[in-house]
Amino acid sequence: MLRCPGQRGKGFGVAQHVGIHISKAVPQQHQWKISLLKEWPNILGNLKNKVSLHSVGDTHLVLTVSHPSLAQELYMLQDMLKHKINTFLQDERITSLQFRTYTSPTNKYEQKNKQKSTLPEKKVVLNFREQQTLHSVKNKELRDALCAFYITCKKRQAS
């Protein structure tokens, strides 16, 4: 364990030392944010590995959630979650919560297997009328973008 100078044998690690200095550098009106960060795992309990603080504003929190369905559940329970957070803070500071999802990157082996298991896409062919309509667009970039968009729409409609 790394120890700070002058702190030998006291079990005082570098992280604790840095944490103390950060706490001293943060203005008093923002000390509650430090407390929230420190106690976040205790506030969330069993969800501590699935929900993390992304950002802390004066009246709102942005939470990163491990799965979209969990984000939906927490969204439905956000009043209870806000109450729990505000109870910890002993103040009605947090008025809104926002949720964003994070999915961990899959390894290359899983990606290869996923690609093999998908069916080949059907080729979309534009009929004469569709080709004529697109050809009437003079701007080539716009015409190409419209064509790609139309093909995407037809693929989605076919599936």
N, C-alpha and C. Protein backbone atom coordinates (compact mmCIF):
# COMPACT_ATOMS: atom_id res chain seq x y z
N MET A 1 0.85 -1.18 0.00
CA MET A 1 0.00 0.00 0.00
C MET A 1 0.89 1.24 0.00
N LEU A 2 0.56 2.18 -0.86
CA LEU A 2 1.29 3.44 -0.89
C LEU A 2 0.87 4.29 0.30
N ARG A 3 1.83 4.93 0.88
CA ARG A 3 1.53 5.78 2.03
C ARG A 3 2.01 7.20 1.74
N CYS A 4 1.33 8.14 2.32
CA CYS A 4 1.72 9.54 2.17
C CYS A 4 2.88 9.84 3.11
N PRO A 5 3.74 10.79 2.73
CA PRO A 5 4.85 11.16 3.60
C PRO A 5 4.33 11.62 4.96
N GLY A 6 5.00 11.19 5.99
CA GLY A 6 4.64 11.59 7.34
C GLY A 6 3.47 10.81 7.92
N GLN A 7 3.00 9.79 7.24
CA GLN A 7 1.85 9.03 7.71
C GLN A 7 2.20 7.55 7.90
N ARG A 8 3.43 7.25 8.21
CA ARG A 8 3.87 5.86 8.34
C ARG A 8 3.16 5.13 9.45
N GLY A 9 2.75 3.90 9.10
CA GLY A 9 2.18 3.02 10.09
C GLY A 9 0.79 3.40 10.56
N LYS A 10 0.19 4.36 9.98
CA LYS A 10 -1.14 4.78 10.43
C LYS A 10 -2.26 4.23 9.55
N GLY A 11 -1.92 3.44 8.49
CA GLY A 11 -2.95 2.90 7.62
C GLY A 11 -3.67 3.97 6.82
N PHE A 12 -2.95 5.00 6.47
CA PHE A 12 -3.51 6.15 5.78
C PHE A 12 -3.02 6.12 4.34
N GLY A 13 -3.84 5.63 3.41
CA GLY A 13 -3.43 5.48 2.01
C GLY A 13 -3.45 6.77 1.23
N VAL A 14 -2.85 6.72 0.05
CA VAL A 14 -2.78 7.88 -0.82
C VAL A 14 -4.18 8.34 -1.23
N ALA A 15 -5.05 7.39 -1.54
CA ALA A 15 -6.40 7.76 -1.97
C ALA A 15 -7.13 8.54 -0.87
N GLN A 16 -6.97 8.11 0.37
CA GLN A 16 -7.61 8.84 1.47
C GLN A 16 -7.01 10.23 1.61
N HIS A 17 -5.70 10.31 1.45
CA HIS A 17 -5.00 11.60 1.57
C HIS A 17 -5.49 12.56 0.47
N VAL A 18 -5.56 12.07 -0.76
CA VAL A 18 -6.03 12.89 -1.87
C VAL A 18 -7.49 13.28 -1.65
N GLY A 19 -8.29 12.32 -1.17
CA GLY A 19 -9.71 12.60 -0.91
C GLY A 19 -9.90 13.72 0.09
N ILE A 20 -9.08 13.75 1.11
CA ILE A 20 -9.17 14.81 2.11
C ILE A 20 -8.87 16.17 1.48
N HIS A 21 -7.83 16.22 0.64
CA HIS A 21 -7.47 17.49 0.00
C HIS A 21 -8.52 17.94 -1.00
N ILE A 22 -9.13 16.99 -1.70
CA ILE A 22 -10.20 17.36 -2.64
C ILE A 22 -11.38 17.92 -1.86
N SER A 23 -11.72 17.27 -0.74
CA SER A 23 -12.83 17.75 0.09
C SER A 23 -12.58 19.17 0.58
N LYS A 24 -11.32 19.48 0.90
CA LYS A 24 -10.99 20.83 1.37
C LYS A 24 -11.06 21.85 0.24
N ALA A 25 -10.78 21.40 -1.01
CA ALA A 25 -10.75 22.31 -2.14
C ALA A 25 -12.15 22.63 -2.67
N VAL A 26 -13.12 21.76 -2.41
CA VAL A 26 -14.48 21.96 -2.90
C VAL A 26 -15.19 22.97 -2.00
N PRO A 27 -15.85 23.96 -2.59
CA PRO A 27 -16.57 24.96 -1.78
C PRO A 27 -17.62 24.30 -0.89
N GLN A 28 -17.91 24.92 0.22
CA GLN A 28 -18.83 24.37 1.22
C GLN A 28 -20.21 24.06 0.63
N GLN A 29 -20.71 24.90 -0.28
CA GLN A 29 -22.04 24.68 -0.82
C GLN A 29 -22.11 23.44 -1.72
N HIS A 30 -20.95 22.87 -2.09
CA HIS A 30 -20.94 21.66 -2.92
C HIS A 30 -20.46 20.42 -2.15
N GLN A 31 -20.28 20.52 -0.88
CA GLN A 31 -19.83 19.37 -0.08
C GLN A 31 -20.83 18.22 -0.14
N TRP A 32 -22.11 18.53 -0.30
CA TRP A 32 -23.12 17.48 -0.38
C TRP A 32 -22.87 16.56 -1.57
N LYS A 33 -22.28 17.10 -2.65
CA LYS A 33 -21.98 16.28 -3.82
C LYS A 33 -20.89 15.26 -3.50
N ILE A 34 -19.89 15.67 -2.71
CA ILE A 34 -18.84 14.74 -2.28
C ILE A 34 -19.45 13.64 -1.43
N SER A 35 -20.32 14.00 -0.51
CA SER A 35 -20.99 13.01 0.34
C SER A 35 -21.81 12.04 -0.50
N LEU A 36 -22.50 12.57 -1.49
CA LEU A 36 -23.31 11.73 -2.36
C LEU A 36 -22.44 10.73 -3.11
N LEU A 37 -21.31 11.20 -3.64
CA LEU A 37 -20.39 10.30 -4.35
C LEU A 37 -19.84 9.22 -3.43
N LYS A 38 -19.47 9.60 -2.23
CA LYS A 38 -18.91 8.63 -1.29
C LYS A 38 -19.93 7.57 -0.89
N GLU A 39 -21.15 7.99 -0.65
CA GLU A 39 -22.18 7.09 -0.13
C GLU A 39 -23.07 6.46 -1.20
N TRP A 40 -22.79 6.73 -2.48
CA TRP A 40 -23.63 6.23 -3.55
C TRP A 40 -23.87 4.71 -3.47
N PRO A 41 -22.83 3.88 -3.25
CA PRO A 41 -23.07 2.44 -3.15
C PRO A 41 -24.02 2.08 -2.00
N ASN A 42 -23.94 2.79 -0.88
CA ASN A 42 -24.83 2.51 0.25
C ASN A 42 -26.26 2.97 -0.04
N ILE A 43 -26.40 4.05 -0.77
CA ILE A 43 -27.73 4.56 -1.09
C ILE A 43 -28.46 3.58 -2.00
N LEU A 44 -27.74 3.04 -2.99
CA LEU A 44 -28.37 2.15 -3.96
C LEU A 44 -28.50 0.70 -3.49
N GLY A 45 -27.67 0.29 -2.57
CA GLY A 45 -27.76 -1.08 -2.08
C GLY A 45 -27.43 -2.09 -3.16
N ASN A 46 -28.37 -3.02 -3.44
CA ASN A 46 -28.14 -4.10 -4.41
C ASN A 46 -27.93 -3.62 -5.84
N LEU A 47 -28.36 -2.41 -6.15
CA LEU A 47 -28.23 -1.89 -7.51
C LEU A 47 -26.90 -1.18 -7.76
N LYS A 48 -26.02 -1.15 -6.77
CA LYS A 48 -24.79 -0.36 -6.89
C LYS A 48 -23.92 -0.77 -8.07
N ASN A 49 -23.99 -2.03 -8.50
CA ASN A 49 -23.18 -2.49 -9.63
C ASN A 49 -23.86 -2.25 -10.97
N LYS A 50 -25.11 -1.82 -10.95
CA LYS A 50 -25.86 -1.63 -12.18
C LYS A 50 -26.20 -0.18 -12.48
N VAL A 51 -26.05 0.68 -11.48
CA VAL A 51 -26.40 2.10 -11.64
C VAL A 51 -25.26 2.94 -11.09
N SER A 52 -24.78 3.88 -11.90
CA SER A 52 -23.71 4.75 -11.42
C SER A 52 -24.07 6.20 -11.70
N LEU A 53 -23.44 7.08 -10.97
CA LEU A 53 -23.65 8.51 -11.18
C LEU A 53 -22.86 8.94 -12.40
N HIS A 54 -23.54 9.53 -13.36
CA HIS A 54 -22.85 10.05 -14.54
C HIS A 54 -22.49 11.52 -14.32
N SER A 55 -23.47 12.28 -13.83
CA SER A 55 -23.18 13.67 -13.50
C SER A 55 -24.13 14.13 -12.39
N VAL A 56 -23.65 15.12 -11.65
CA VAL A 56 -24.40 15.66 -10.53
C VAL A 56 -24.54 17.17 -10.75
N GLY A 57 -25.80 17.60 -10.89
CA GLY A 57 -26.08 19.03 -11.02
C GLY A 57 -26.58 19.57 -9.69
N ASP A 58 -26.96 20.82 -9.68
CA ASP A 58 -27.46 21.41 -8.43
C ASP A 58 -28.79 20.82 -8.01
N THR A 59 -29.64 20.48 -8.99
CA THR A 59 -30.96 19.94 -8.65
C THR A 59 -31.28 18.64 -9.38
N HIS A 60 -30.34 18.12 -10.16
CA HIS A 60 -30.63 16.90 -10.91
C HIS A 60 -29.43 15.96 -10.94
N LEU A 61 -29.72 14.70 -11.22
CA LEU A 61 -28.68 13.68 -11.38
C LEU A 61 -28.89 13.00 -12.72
N VAL A 62 -27.79 12.64 -13.37
CA VAL A 62 -27.85 11.80 -14.55
C VAL A 62 -27.23 10.47 -14.13
N LEU A 63 -28.00 9.40 -14.28
CA LEU A 63 -27.57 8.07 -13.86
C LEU A 63 -27.32 7.21 -15.07
N THR A 64 -26.22 6.48 -15.05
CA THR A 64 -25.92 5.51 -16.10
C THR A 64 -26.36 4.15 -15.61
N VAL A 65 -27.16 3.48 -16.42
CA VAL A 65 -27.77 2.22 -16.05
C VAL A 65 -27.27 1.14 -17.01
N SER A 66 -27.12 -0.09 -16.49
CA SER A 66 -26.51 -1.17 -17.27
C SER A 66 -27.42 -1.74 -18.35
N HIS A 67 -28.73 -1.54 -18.27
CA HIS A 67 -29.62 -2.15 -19.26
C HIS A 67 -30.85 -1.26 -19.47
N PRO A 68 -31.35 -1.17 -20.70
CA PRO A 68 -32.51 -0.32 -20.97
C PRO A 68 -33.75 -0.68 -20.14
N SER A 69 -33.97 -1.97 -19.90
CA SER A 69 -35.15 -2.34 -19.10
C SER A 69 -35.02 -1.86 -17.66
N LEU A 70 -33.80 -1.87 -17.14
CA LEU A 70 -33.58 -1.36 -15.79
C LEU A 70 -33.79 0.16 -15.77
N ALA A 71 -33.36 0.83 -16.82
CA ALA A 71 -33.59 2.28 -16.91
C ALA A 71 -35.08 2.58 -16.90
N GLN A 72 -35.88 1.77 -17.60
CA GLN A 72 -37.32 1.96 -17.62
C GLN A 72 -37.92 1.73 -16.24
N GLU A 73 -37.47 0.69 -15.57
CA GLU A 73 -37.97 0.42 -14.21
C GLU A 73 -37.65 1.57 -13.26
N LEU A 74 -36.39 2.04 -13.33
CA LEU A 74 -35.99 3.13 -12.45
C LEU A 74 -36.73 4.42 -12.78
N TYR A 75 -37.02 4.61 -14.05
CA TYR A 75 -37.80 5.78 -14.46
C TYR A 75 -39.18 5.74 -13.79
N MET A 76 -39.79 4.55 -13.76
CA MET A 76 -41.10 4.40 -13.14
C MET A 76 -41.02 4.57 -11.61
N LEU A 77 -39.85 4.28 -11.04
CA LEU A 77 -39.67 4.38 -9.59
C LEU A 77 -38.87 5.62 -9.18
N GLN A 78 -38.76 6.58 -10.08
CA GLN A 78 -37.88 7.72 -9.81
C GLN A 78 -38.32 8.56 -8.62
N ASP A 79 -39.61 8.65 -8.34
CA ASP A 79 -40.05 9.42 -7.17
C ASP A 79 -39.52 8.79 -5.88
N MET A 80 -39.58 7.46 -5.81
CA MET A 80 -39.07 6.77 -4.63
C MET A 80 -37.54 6.94 -4.53
N LEU A 81 -36.86 6.85 -5.67
CA LEU A 81 -35.40 7.00 -5.69
C LEU A 81 -35.00 8.43 -5.29
N LYS A 82 -35.71 9.43 -5.81
CA LYS A 82 -35.42 10.82 -5.42
C LYS A 82 -35.64 11.01 -3.92
N HIS A 83 -36.70 10.42 -3.40
CA HIS A 83 -36.99 10.52 -1.97
C HIS A 83 -35.85 9.91 -1.15
N LYS A 84 -35.35 8.74 -1.60
CA LYS A 84 -34.27 8.07 -0.86
C LYS A 84 -32.99 8.93 -0.89
N ILE A 85 -32.68 9.50 -2.05
CA ILE A 85 -31.48 10.34 -2.18
C ILE A 85 -31.63 11.59 -1.32
N ASN A 86 -32.78 12.25 -1.41
CA ASN A 86 -33.01 13.47 -0.63
C ASN A 86 -33.03 13.20 0.86
N THR A 87 -33.52 12.02 1.26
CA THR A 87 -33.49 11.65 2.67
C THR A 87 -32.04 11.53 3.14
N PHE A 88 -31.20 10.91 2.31
CA PHE A 88 -29.78 10.82 2.66
C PHE A 88 -29.16 12.21 2.78
N LEU A 89 -29.49 13.08 1.84
CA LEU A 89 -28.92 14.44 1.83
C LEU A 89 -29.53 15.34 2.91
N GLN A 90 -30.62 14.91 3.49
CA GLN A 90 -31.35 15.68 4.51
C GLN A 90 -31.79 17.04 3.97
N ASP A 91 -32.15 17.03 2.70
CA ASP A 91 -32.60 18.26 2.04
C ASP A 91 -33.32 17.84 0.75
N GLU A 92 -34.23 18.64 0.27
CA GLU A 92 -34.94 18.36 -0.99
C GLU A 92 -34.17 18.97 -2.16
N ARG A 93 -32.95 18.53 -2.36
CA ARG A 93 -32.09 19.09 -3.42
C ARG A 93 -32.43 18.54 -4.79
N ILE A 94 -32.58 17.24 -4.90
CA ILE A 94 -32.74 16.59 -6.20
C ILE A 94 -34.21 16.64 -6.61
N THR A 95 -34.47 17.33 -7.73
CA THR A 95 -35.83 17.44 -8.23
C THR A 95 -36.07 16.60 -9.48
N SER A 96 -34.98 16.20 -10.16
CA SER A 96 -35.17 15.39 -11.36
C SER A 96 -34.01 14.41 -11.54
N LEU A 97 -34.37 13.29 -12.15
CA LEU A 97 -33.38 12.25 -12.49
C LEU A 97 -33.47 12.00 -13.99
N GLN A 98 -32.33 11.79 -14.59
CA GLN A 98 -32.28 11.37 -16.00
C GLN A 98 -31.52 10.06 -16.06
N PHE A 99 -31.90 9.21 -17.00
CA PHE A 99 -31.27 7.90 -17.11
C PHE A 99 -30.69 7.74 -18.50
N ARG A 100 -29.51 7.16 -18.54
CA ARG A 100 -28.88 6.79 -19.81
C ARG A 100 -28.38 5.38 -19.66
N THR A 101 -28.32 4.66 -20.75
CA THR A 101 -27.91 3.27 -20.66
C THR A 101 -26.49 3.10 -21.17
N TYR A 102 -25.84 2.12 -20.62
CA TYR A 102 -24.49 1.76 -21.04
C TYR A 102 -24.47 0.25 -21.21
N THR A 103 -24.09 -0.19 -22.39
CA THR A 103 -23.92 -1.62 -22.59
C THR A 103 -22.44 -1.87 -22.78
N SER A 104 -21.95 -2.86 -22.10
CA SER A 104 -20.52 -3.14 -22.19
C SER A 104 -20.20 -3.68 -23.58
N PRO A 105 -19.04 -3.33 -24.10
CA PRO A 105 -18.68 -3.82 -25.43
C PRO A 105 -18.52 -5.34 -25.40
N THR A 106 -19.04 -5.99 -26.42
CA THR A 106 -18.92 -7.44 -26.49
C THR A 106 -17.56 -7.80 -27.08
N ASN A 107 -17.11 -8.97 -26.77
CA ASN A 107 -15.82 -9.37 -27.32
C ASN A 107 -15.96 -9.77 -28.79
N LYS A 108 -14.84 -9.87 -29.50
CA LYS A 108 -14.85 -10.13 -30.93
C LYS A 108 -15.48 -11.48 -31.26
N TYR A 109 -15.29 -12.47 -30.40
CA TYR A 109 -15.85 -13.79 -30.64
C TYR A 109 -17.37 -13.72 -30.68
N GLU A 110 -17.98 -13.01 -29.73
CA GLU A 110 -19.43 -12.87 -29.70
C GLU A 110 -19.93 -12.11 -30.92
N GLN A 111 -19.19 -11.09 -31.36
CA GLN A 111 -19.60 -10.32 -32.52
C GLN A 111 -19.58 -11.18 -33.77
N LYS A 112 -18.54 -12.02 -33.94
CA LYS A 112 -18.46 -12.90 -35.11
C LYS A 112 -19.62 -13.88 -35.12
N ASN A 113 -19.92 -14.49 -33.98
CA ASN A 113 -21.02 -15.44 -33.91
C ASN A 113 -22.35 -14.77 -34.18
N LYS A 114 -22.52 -13.55 -33.73
CA LYS A 114 -23.76 -12.82 -33.96
C LYS A 114 -23.93 -12.54 -35.45
N GLN A 115 -22.83 -12.18 -36.12
CA GLN A 115 -22.91 -11.90 -37.54
C GLN A 115 -23.24 -13.15 -38.34
N LYS A 116 -22.71 -14.30 -37.96
CA LYS A 116 -22.97 -15.54 -38.68
C LYS A 116 -24.42 -15.97 -38.53
N SER A 117 -25.01 -15.69 -37.38
CA SER A 117 -26.36 -16.18 -37.13
C SER A 117 -27.43 -15.33 -37.81
N THR A 118 -27.11 -14.13 -38.26
CA THR A 118 -28.12 -13.30 -38.90
C THR A 118 -28.34 -13.76 -40.34
N LEU A 119 -29.56 -13.64 -40.79
CA LEU A 119 -29.90 -14.01 -42.16
C LEU A 119 -29.42 -12.94 -43.12
N PRO A 120 -29.06 -13.34 -44.33
CA PRO A 120 -28.62 -12.32 -45.30
C PRO A 120 -29.80 -11.40 -45.65
N GLU A 121 -29.46 -10.14 -45.85
CA GLU A 121 -30.50 -9.16 -46.16
C GLU A 121 -30.99 -9.35 -47.58
N LYS A 122 -32.29 -9.10 -47.76
CA LYS A 122 -32.86 -9.15 -49.09
C LYS A 122 -32.47 -7.88 -49.83
N LYS A 123 -32.16 -8.03 -51.09
CA LYS A 123 -31.81 -6.87 -51.89
C LYS A 123 -33.09 -6.15 -52.31
N VAL A 124 -33.09 -4.85 -52.15
CA VAL A 124 -34.25 -4.04 -52.50
C VAL A 124 -34.01 -3.45 -53.88
N VAL A 125 -34.99 -3.63 -54.76
CA VAL A 125 -34.91 -3.09 -56.11
C VAL A 125 -36.02 -2.06 -56.27
N LEU A 126 -35.64 -0.90 -56.76
CA LEU A 126 -36.62 0.16 -56.97
C LEU A 126 -37.34 -0.07 -58.30
N ASN A 127 -38.64 0.13 -58.29
CA ASN A 127 -39.39 -0.03 -59.54
C ASN A 127 -39.17 1.20 -60.43
N PHE A 128 -39.73 1.16 -61.64
CA PHE A 128 -39.50 2.21 -62.63
C PHE A 128 -39.99 3.57 -62.12
N ARG A 129 -41.17 3.60 -61.53
CA ARG A 129 -41.75 4.85 -61.03
C ARG A 129 -40.87 5.45 -59.93
N GLU A 130 -40.39 4.61 -59.01
CA GLU A 130 -39.53 5.09 -57.92
C GLU A 130 -38.22 5.64 -58.46
N GLN A 131 -37.66 4.96 -59.47
CA GLN A 131 -36.40 5.44 -60.07
C GLN A 131 -36.61 6.78 -60.77
N GLN A 132 -37.73 6.92 -61.47
CA GLN A 132 -38.03 8.17 -62.17
C GLN A 132 -38.21 9.32 -61.18
N THR A 133 -38.90 9.03 -60.09
CA THR A 133 -39.13 10.07 -59.09
C THR A 133 -37.81 10.53 -58.48
N LEU A 134 -36.95 9.58 -58.13
CA LEU A 134 -35.64 9.95 -57.57
C LEU A 134 -34.78 10.67 -58.60
N HIS A 135 -34.89 10.27 -59.87
CA HIS A 135 -34.09 10.88 -60.93
C HIS A 135 -34.47 12.35 -61.13
N SER A 136 -35.70 12.72 -60.75
CA SER A 136 -36.14 14.10 -60.93
C SER A 136 -35.46 15.06 -59.94
N VAL A 137 -34.81 14.51 -58.90
CA VAL A 137 -34.07 15.34 -57.95
C VAL A 137 -32.74 15.69 -58.59
N LYS A 138 -32.47 16.97 -58.77
CA LYS A 138 -31.27 17.41 -59.50
C LYS A 138 -29.98 17.30 -58.68
N ASN A 139 -30.06 17.56 -57.39
CA ASN A 139 -28.87 17.52 -56.53
C ASN A 139 -28.49 16.06 -56.28
N LYS A 140 -27.29 15.66 -56.74
CA LYS A 140 -26.86 14.27 -56.66
C LYS A 140 -26.74 13.79 -55.21
N GLU A 141 -26.17 14.61 -54.32
CA GLU A 141 -26.03 14.21 -52.92
C GLU A 141 -27.39 13.98 -52.27
N LEU A 142 -28.31 14.88 -52.55
CA LEU A 142 -29.66 14.74 -52.00
C LEU A 142 -30.34 13.50 -52.59
N ARG A 143 -30.18 13.30 -53.89
CA ARG A 143 -30.77 12.14 -54.56
C ARG A 143 -30.24 10.84 -53.95
N ASP A 144 -28.92 10.76 -53.73
CA ASP A 144 -28.32 9.56 -53.15
C ASP A 144 -28.81 9.33 -51.72
N ALA A 145 -28.92 10.42 -50.95
CA ALA A 145 -29.39 10.30 -49.57
C ALA A 145 -30.84 9.84 -49.54
N LEU A 146 -31.68 10.41 -50.40
CA LEU A 146 -33.08 10.00 -50.47
C LEU A 146 -33.21 8.55 -50.90
N CYS A 147 -32.39 8.15 -51.84
CA CYS A 147 -32.41 6.76 -52.31
C CYS A 147 -32.05 5.80 -51.18
N ALA A 148 -30.98 6.11 -50.45
CA ALA A 148 -30.55 5.25 -49.34
C ALA A 148 -31.63 5.20 -48.26
N PHE A 149 -32.25 6.35 -47.97
CA PHE A 149 -33.31 6.40 -46.97
C PHE A 149 -34.51 5.57 -47.42
N TYR A 150 -34.89 5.69 -48.67
CA TYR A 150 -36.04 4.97 -49.19
C TYR A 150 -35.80 3.45 -49.16
N ILE A 151 -34.61 3.05 -49.51
CA ILE A 151 -34.25 1.63 -49.48
C ILE A 151 -34.31 1.11 -48.05
N THR A 152 -33.79 1.88 -47.10
CA THR A 152 -33.86 1.49 -45.70
C THR A 152 -35.30 1.32 -45.24
N CYS A 153 -36.15 2.25 -45.65
CA CYS A 153 -37.57 2.17 -45.28
C CYS A 153 -38.21 0.92 -45.87
N LYS A 154 -37.89 0.62 -47.12
CA LYS A 154 -38.47 -0.58 -47.75
C LYS A 154 -37.98 -1.86 -47.07
N LYS A 155 -36.72 -1.88 -46.65
CA LYS A 155 -36.20 -3.06 -45.94
C LYS A 155 -36.93 -3.26 -44.63
N ARG A 156 -37.14 -2.18 -43.91
CA ARG A 156 -37.84 -2.28 -42.62
C ARG A 156 -39.29 -2.71 -42.83
N GLN A 157 -39.90 -2.22 -43.88
CA GLN A 157 -41.29 -2.57 -44.15
C GLN A 157 -41.41 -4.05 -44.52
N ALA A 158 -40.39 -4.58 -45.21
CA ALA A 158 -40.42 -5.98 -45.64
C ALA A 158 -40.22 -6.95 -44.48
N SER A 159 -39.53 -6.48 -43.42
CA SER A 159 -39.26 -7.41 -42.30
C SER A 159 -40.31 -7.37 -41.23
